[in-house]
Amino acid sequence: MSKKAMKKAAKAERYQAFKLERRAREKQMQKEKRRLKARKRAAGELDDSAELEEKARKRQKMSGFGGKIVLDLSFDKLMSEKEINSLCSQLAYTYSANRNASYPFTLLCTSLNGRTRDRLEAINDGAYKRWTHTEWWENSYDCLWSSPGASSSTREASLPQADLDVQKQKIVYLTADSGEEIEELKPGETYIIGALVDRNRYKNLTFDKATKESIRHARLPIGKYISSLPTRKVLTVNQVFEIMLKWVETRDWEEAFNCIIPKRKFLDSRKKGKDKSLSEKEEVVSEGEGGDITSDQAELKIDAEDLETVVQEDQLLEAQA
């Protein structure tokens, strides 16, 4: 066994050793919070109106925005192992953002196969399967307008052309190479984000894919609202997703971009050298709003604790509800 493999095995052993202890502490914390809440209610210190508002907010959150986001995971064979790890990290951040959003999207991950699935399965016994309000398909997203189990040509031939056009008209592939800019997000539409980290090796990948499949394509209007952005207008999968969540909340693209896009991207190129240490600690640039992925940033790391933390926080919120 290599030295690197031995280190990984030792880390896994340490994690398993503390896993039960950590869960016991979390359960105890949940019990303490419930007891504290009960005491405050008995003493009349609990603001019932605030509690009712919180419950109303949660009911509103459950209703969601009405739109659907598809993460297209069909690029597995085009990525290295490190890029697969970065992508899995971005998927975790995407789910976490959606879970905590005021108006969440329906989240669908398609073409889950190969090393991406193996990586997710290996992390905490497949913790991703416990993510709430998230669907995972082994099939491609073309099942959105056709029936699974047949080839693409057979599926499309089984539908009348008029029905096929109507269904495809509601689907938009977000790609920075598109000549169209999206003006607003609509509840009845489905938006596809290409989930790929490729170090800018592949040009026009998602644009060509959308064109070949005859579905609409568009790019986020970053240049229209953020003209002072000196760096490349490509973002990670989770950043694109968070921008869309922010737009749904504010209905303001400029506010969404300024809120989500890392501040270092607004720095003048002359300052890049001074901020190199900061940049190296942040995200891997990935194909999100479309563009082919480019990156001179250090790679995000993910281990079992990342996805486990997401699941545990979700369980804690449900226990408090």
Protein backbone atom coordinates (compact mmCIF):
# COMPACT_ATOMS: atom_id res chain seq x y z
CA MET A 1 0.00 0.00 0.00
CA SER A 2 1.36 3.41 -0.94
CA LYS A 3 2.00 6.12 1.63
CA LYS A 4 -0.90 8.19 0.26
CA ALA A 5 -3.27 5.22 0.50
CA MET A 6 -2.14 4.55 4.05
CA LYS A 7 -2.89 8.15 5.02
CA LYS A 8 -6.36 7.92 3.49
CA ALA A 9 -7.05 4.67 5.33
CA ALA A 10 -5.88 6.18 8.62
CA LYS A 11 -8.11 9.21 8.07
CA ALA A 12 -11.11 6.97 7.39
CA GLU A 13 -10.44 5.03 10.59
CA ARG A 14 -10.25 8.23 12.63
CA TYR A 15 -13.46 9.47 11.11
CA GLN A 16 -15.34 6.27 11.92
CA ALA A 17 -13.97 6.29 15.47
CA PHE A 18 -15.41 9.74 16.20
CA LYS A 19 -18.58 9.34 14.13
CA LEU A 20 -20.72 7.73 16.86
CA GLU A 21 -19.45 10.16 19.47
CA ARG A 22 -20.28 13.12 17.25
CA ARG A 23 -23.77 11.86 16.54
CA ALA A 24 -24.39 11.30 20.27
CA ARG A 25 -23.38 14.92 20.95
CA GLU A 26 -25.71 16.17 18.22
CA LYS A 27 -28.64 14.20 19.59
CA GLN A 28 -27.97 15.57 23.06
CA MET A 29 -27.89 19.11 21.66
CA GLN A 30 -31.24 18.56 19.97
CA LYS A 31 -32.75 17.35 23.25
CA GLU A 32 -31.37 20.38 25.10
CA LYS A 33 -32.84 22.75 22.52
CA ARG A 34 -36.26 21.11 22.80
CA ARG A 35 -36.14 21.28 26.60
CA LEU A 36 -35.08 24.95 26.52
CA LYS A 37 -37.90 25.75 24.11
CA ALA A 38 -40.41 23.99 26.38
CA ARG A 39 -39.20 25.93 29.44
CA LYS A 40 -39.45 29.25 27.62
CA ARG A 41 -42.96 28.44 26.46
CA ALA A 42 -44.00 27.50 30.02
CA ALA A 43 -42.50 30.74 31.39
CA GLY A 44 -44.20 32.84 28.71
CA GLU A 45 -40.87 33.93 27.29
CA LEU A 46 -41.44 32.41 23.87
CA ASP A 47 -42.80 34.76 21.24
CA ASP A 48 -45.69 32.81 19.76
CA SER A 49 -46.08 35.28 16.89
CA ALA A 50 -42.44 34.79 15.87
CA GLU A 51 -42.91 31.04 16.02
CA LEU A 52 -46.01 31.28 13.83
CA GLU A 53 -44.11 33.45 11.35
CA GLU A 54 -41.33 30.87 11.24
CA LYS A 55 -43.82 28.10 10.55
CA ALA A 56 -45.43 30.21 7.82
CA ARG A 57 -42.00 30.80 6.30
CA LYS A 58 -41.32 27.07 6.30
CA ARG A 59 -44.67 26.37 4.61
CA GLN A 60 -43.83 29.00 2.00
CA LYS A 61 -40.44 27.40 1.50
CA MET A 62 -42.04 24.02 0.92
CA SER A 63 -44.10 25.51 -1.90
CA GLY A 64 -40.92 26.62 -3.64
CA PHE A 65 -40.52 28.73 -6.76
CA GLY A 66 -42.08 26.26 -9.15
CA GLY A 67 -39.15 26.06 -11.54
CA LYS A 68 -36.83 23.10 -11.97
CA ILE A 69 -33.04 23.01 -12.15
CA VAL A 70 -31.36 20.08 -13.88
CA LEU A 71 -27.70 19.33 -13.25
CA ASP A 72 -26.41 17.51 -16.32
CA LEU A 73 -23.84 14.97 -15.07
CA SER A 74 -23.20 13.39 -18.47
CA PHE A 75 -19.59 14.65 -18.68
CA ASP A 76 -18.12 12.04 -16.33
CA LYS A 77 -15.71 10.60 -18.89
CA LEU A 78 -14.28 14.02 -19.70
CA MET A 79 -12.99 14.72 -16.19
CA SER A 80 -10.01 13.59 -14.13
CA GLU A 81 -10.34 12.13 -10.64
CA LYS A 82 -9.55 15.49 -9.05
CA GLU A 83 -12.16 17.19 -11.19
CA ILE A 84 -14.72 14.55 -10.19
CA ASN A 85 -13.97 15.32 -6.53
CA SER A 86 -14.40 19.04 -7.16
CA LEU A 87 -17.72 18.43 -8.88
CA CYS A 88 -19.02 16.34 -5.96
CA SER A 89 -18.10 19.19 -3.62
CA GLN A 90 -20.04 21.64 -5.77
CA LEU A 91 -23.06 19.31 -5.77
CA ALA A 92 -23.04 19.33 -1.96
CA TYR A 93 -22.90 23.13 -1.86
CA THR A 94 -25.70 23.33 -4.42
CA TYR A 95 -27.98 21.09 -2.39
CA SER A 96 -27.19 23.01 0.81
CA ALA A 97 -28.04 26.35 -0.85
CA ASN A 98 -31.32 25.00 -2.18
CA ARG A 99 -32.29 23.50 1.19
CA ASN A 100 -31.76 26.83 2.94
CA ALA A 101 -33.33 29.02 0.24
CA SER A 102 -36.51 31.03 0.81
CA TYR A 103 -37.86 29.88 -2.56
CA PRO A 104 -36.12 26.61 -3.48
CA PHE A 105 -36.09 24.98 -6.89
CA THR A 106 -36.94 21.40 -7.65
CA LEU A 107 -33.47 19.89 -8.10
CA LEU A 108 -32.84 17.04 -10.54
CA CYS A 109 -29.45 15.44 -11.23
CA THR A 110 -29.41 13.41 -14.46
CA SER A 111 -26.97 10.94 -16.06
CA LEU A 112 -25.60 9.85 -12.68
CA ASN A 113 -23.14 7.15 -13.70
CA GLY A 114 -19.48 6.24 -13.69
CA ARG A 115 -16.95 7.76 -11.35
CA THR A 116 -19.25 10.55 -10.16
CA ARG A 117 -21.72 8.01 -8.81
CA ASP A 118 -18.90 5.89 -7.36
CA ARG A 119 -17.47 8.93 -5.59
CA LEU A 120 -20.85 9.91 -4.12
CA GLU A 121 -21.54 6.33 -3.07
CA ALA A 122 -18.18 6.15 -1.29
CA ILE A 123 -18.84 9.24 0.79
CA ASN A 124 -20.53 8.28 4.06
CA ASP A 125 -22.35 5.27 2.66
CA GLY A 126 -24.06 7.23 -0.09
CA ALA A 127 -25.19 10.22 2.00
CA TYR A 128 -26.39 11.99 -1.17
CA LYS A 129 -29.36 9.58 -1.32
CA ARG A 130 -30.71 11.18 1.85
CA TRP A 131 -30.75 14.69 0.41
CA THR A 132 -34.30 16.00 0.57
CA HIS A 133 -36.18 17.41 -2.44
CA THR A 134 -33.48 16.11 -4.79
CA GLU A 135 -33.94 13.53 -7.55
CA TRP A 136 -31.20 11.40 -9.07
CA TRP A 137 -31.59 9.86 -12.52
CA GLU A 138 -29.30 7.46 -14.31
CA ASN A 139 -31.11 8.46 -17.49
CA SER A 140 -30.42 11.60 -19.47
CA TYR A 141 -32.50 14.74 -19.11
CA ASP A 142 -34.11 14.00 -22.48
CA CYS A 143 -36.55 11.87 -20.45
CA LEU A 144 -38.12 15.21 -19.53
CA TRP A 145 -39.79 15.27 -22.93
CA SER A 146 -39.84 11.55 -23.73
CA SER A 147 -40.25 8.12 -22.18
CA PRO A 148 -37.22 6.26 -20.71
CA GLY A 149 -36.06 2.95 -22.11
CA ALA A 150 -35.69 3.85 -25.77
CA SER A 151 -33.17 5.64 -27.95
CA SER A 152 -33.44 9.39 -28.38
CA SER A 153 -34.66 9.09 -31.97
CA THR A 154 -37.31 6.52 -31.00
CA ARG A 155 -38.51 8.66 -28.10
CA GLU A 156 -38.89 11.77 -30.19
CA ALA A 157 -40.60 9.87 -32.98
CA SER A 158 -43.18 8.57 -30.49
CA LEU A 159 -44.42 12.09 -29.78
CA PRO A 160 -46.32 14.34 -32.18
CA GLN A 161 -44.04 17.13 -33.37
CA ALA A 162 -46.31 19.80 -31.89
CA ASP A 163 -46.21 18.19 -28.42
CA LEU A 164 -42.46 17.68 -28.65
CA ASP A 165 -41.93 21.35 -29.54
CA VAL A 166 -44.12 22.49 -26.65
CA GLN A 167 -42.21 20.38 -24.13
CA LYS A 168 -38.79 21.41 -25.43
CA GLN A 169 -39.82 25.07 -25.44
CA LYS A 170 -40.00 24.93 -21.64
CA ILE A 171 -36.38 23.75 -21.32
CA VAL A 172 -33.37 26.09 -21.40
CA TYR A 173 -29.72 24.98 -21.34
CA LEU A 174 -27.62 27.66 -19.66
CA THR A 175 -24.39 28.15 -21.57
CA ALA A 176 -22.07 31.17 -21.71
CA ASP A 177 -21.50 30.53 -25.43
CA SER A 178 -25.11 31.29 -26.29
CA GLY A 179 -25.94 34.51 -28.12
CA GLU A 180 -29.17 34.84 -26.13
CA GLU A 181 -29.36 36.37 -22.67
CA ILE A 182 -31.96 35.21 -20.19
CA GLU A 183 -34.10 38.07 -18.89
CA GLU A 184 -36.07 36.32 -16.16
CA LEU A 185 -36.65 32.90 -14.64
CA LYS A 186 -40.12 31.44 -15.05
CA PRO A 187 -41.81 28.97 -12.66
CA GLY A 188 -42.97 26.68 -15.45
CA GLU A 189 -39.57 26.31 -17.08
CA THR A 190 -36.66 23.90 -16.58
CA TYR A 191 -33.08 25.21 -16.59
CA ILE A 192 -30.14 22.90 -17.27
CA ILE A 193 -26.68 23.55 -15.82
CA GLY A 194 -23.77 21.61 -17.28
CA ALA A 195 -22.03 19.96 -14.31
CA LEU A 196 -18.46 19.81 -15.57
CA VAL A 197 -15.00 20.79 -14.39
CA ASP A 198 -12.60 20.62 -17.32
CA ARG A 199 -9.83 23.25 -16.95
CA ASN A 200 -11.03 24.89 -20.18
CA ARG A 201 -10.16 21.91 -22.37
CA TYR A 202 -13.49 21.73 -24.17
CA LYS A 203 -14.86 24.64 -26.16
CA ASN A 204 -18.58 25.25 -26.79
CA LEU A 205 -19.41 21.88 -25.26
CA THR A 206 -22.81 22.65 -23.75
CA PHE A 207 -23.76 25.07 -26.53
CA ASP A 208 -23.15 22.40 -29.17
CA LYS A 209 -25.06 19.86 -27.09
CA ALA A 210 -28.10 22.12 -26.76
CA THR A 211 -28.00 22.95 -30.47
CA LYS A 212 -27.75 19.29 -31.47
CA GLU A 213 -30.74 18.38 -29.29
CA SER A 214 -32.77 21.35 -30.55
CA ILE A 215 -33.46 22.83 -27.15
CA ARG A 216 -33.31 26.48 -26.19
CA HIS A 217 -30.09 27.92 -24.83
CA ALA A 218 -29.19 31.16 -23.09
CA ARG A 219 -26.57 32.73 -20.86
CA LEU A 220 -26.91 34.63 -17.62
CA PRO A 221 -26.75 38.42 -18.28
CA ILE A 222 -23.51 38.95 -16.36
CA GLY A 223 -22.01 41.36 -18.89
CA LYS A 224 -25.18 43.45 -18.98
CA TYR A 225 -25.25 44.11 -15.25
CA ILE A 226 -21.61 43.66 -14.20
CA SER A 227 -19.59 45.47 -16.85
CA SER A 228 -16.64 46.02 -14.50
CA LEU A 229 -15.90 42.32 -14.09
CA PRO A 230 -12.26 42.00 -15.23
CA THR A 231 -12.02 38.22 -14.90
CA ARG A 232 -13.64 35.53 -17.04
CA LYS A 233 -17.41 35.27 -16.70
CA VAL A 234 -17.48 31.60 -15.75
CA LEU A 235 -18.57 30.30 -12.38
CA THR A 236 -18.86 27.11 -10.40
CA VAL A 237 -22.03 25.04 -10.58
CA ASN A 238 -23.08 26.06 -7.09
CA GLN A 239 -22.41 29.77 -7.75
CA VAL A 240 -24.65 29.74 -10.82
CA PHE A 241 -27.33 27.94 -8.84
CA GLU A 242 -27.07 30.42 -5.95
CA ILE A 243 -27.34 33.36 -8.38
CA MET A 244 -30.59 31.89 -9.69
CA LEU A 245 -31.89 31.39 -6.13
CA LYS A 246 -31.00 34.99 -5.30
CA TRP A 247 -32.78 36.30 -8.40
CA VAL A 248 -35.93 34.41 -7.41
CA GLU A 249 -35.73 36.07 -4.00
CA THR A 250 -34.94 39.61 -5.17
CA ARG A 251 -35.97 39.70 -8.87
CA ASP A 252 -32.79 41.71 -9.41
CA TRP A 253 -29.94 40.30 -11.50
CA GLU A 254 -27.45 42.96 -10.45
CA GLU A 255 -28.04 42.31 -6.76
CA ALA A 256 -27.83 38.56 -7.34
CA PHE A 257 -24.50 38.84 -9.17
CA ASN A 258 -22.98 41.20 -6.60
CA CYS A 259 -24.14 39.02 -3.75
CA ILE A 260 -22.88 35.67 -5.10
CA ILE A 261 -19.91 36.33 -7.38
CA PRO A 262 -16.69 36.28 -5.27
CA LYS A 263 -15.37 39.78 -4.59
CA ARG A 264 -11.91 38.82 -5.82
CA LYS A 265 -13.37 38.51 -9.35
CA PHE A 266 -14.00 42.26 -9.29
CA LEU A 267 -10.35 43.02 -8.51
CA ASP A 268 -8.23 44.67 -11.16
CA SER A 269 -5.99 42.23 -12.98
CA ARG A 270 -2.94 44.11 -11.66
CA LYS A 271 -3.84 42.99 -8.16
CA LYS A 272 -4.07 39.33 -8.99
CA GLY A 273 -0.56 38.63 -7.82
CA LYS A 274 -1.24 40.17 -4.42
CA ASP A 275 -4.40 38.14 -4.01
CA LYS A 276 -3.01 34.84 -5.23
CA SER A 277 -3.07 33.29 -1.77
CA LEU A 278 -6.76 34.18 -1.42
CA SER A 279 -7.60 32.87 -4.86
CA GLU A 280 -5.89 29.56 -4.23
CA LYS A 281 -8.17 28.91 -1.27
CA GLU A 282 -11.37 29.42 -3.24
CA GLU A 283 -13.36 27.68 -5.90
CA VAL A 284 -12.55 25.64 -8.92
CA VAL A 285 -14.22 27.33 -11.87
CA SER A 286 -16.73 25.02 -13.46
CA GLU A 287 -19.23 25.01 -16.25
CA GLY A 288 -22.21 26.61 -14.65
CA GLU A 289 -24.08 29.33 -16.46
CA GLY A 290 -22.70 27.69 -19.42
CA GLY A 291 -19.24 28.55 -20.52
CA ASP A 292 -16.53 26.00 -20.89
CA ILE A 293 -14.77 25.70 -17.59
CA THR A 294 -11.61 27.63 -17.00
CA SER A 295 -9.56 27.76 -13.82
CA ASP A 296 -6.30 28.96 -12.40
CA GLN A 297 -7.62 28.34 -8.90
CA ALA A 298 -6.75 25.54 -6.50
CA GLU A 299 -9.08 22.58 -6.40
CA LEU A 300 -11.80 22.25 -3.79
CA LYS A 301 -11.42 19.23 -1.56
CA ILE A 302 -14.24 17.07 -0.27
CA ASP A 303 -14.25 14.26 2.26
CA ALA A 304 -16.87 12.25 4.08
CA GLU A 305 -17.50 14.98 6.63
CA ASP A 306 -18.68 17.48 3.97
CA LEU A 307 -21.69 15.48 2.84
CA GLU A 308 -22.31 14.08 6.32
CA THR A 309 -22.55 17.63 7.70
CA VAL A 310 -25.12 18.57 5.06
CA VAL A 311 -27.29 15.57 5.95
CA GLN A 312 -26.95 16.13 9.70
CA GLU A 313 -27.92 19.80 9.43
CA ASP A 314 -30.96 18.77 7.41
CA GLN A 315 -31.99 16.25 10.07
CA LEU A 316 -31.50 18.85 12.80
CA LEU A 317 -33.75 21.34 11.03
CA GLU A 318 -36.45 18.71 10.63
CA ALA A 319 -36.23 17.81 14.33
CA GLN A 320 -36.67 21.45 15.33
CA ALA A 321 -39.65 22.00 13.01
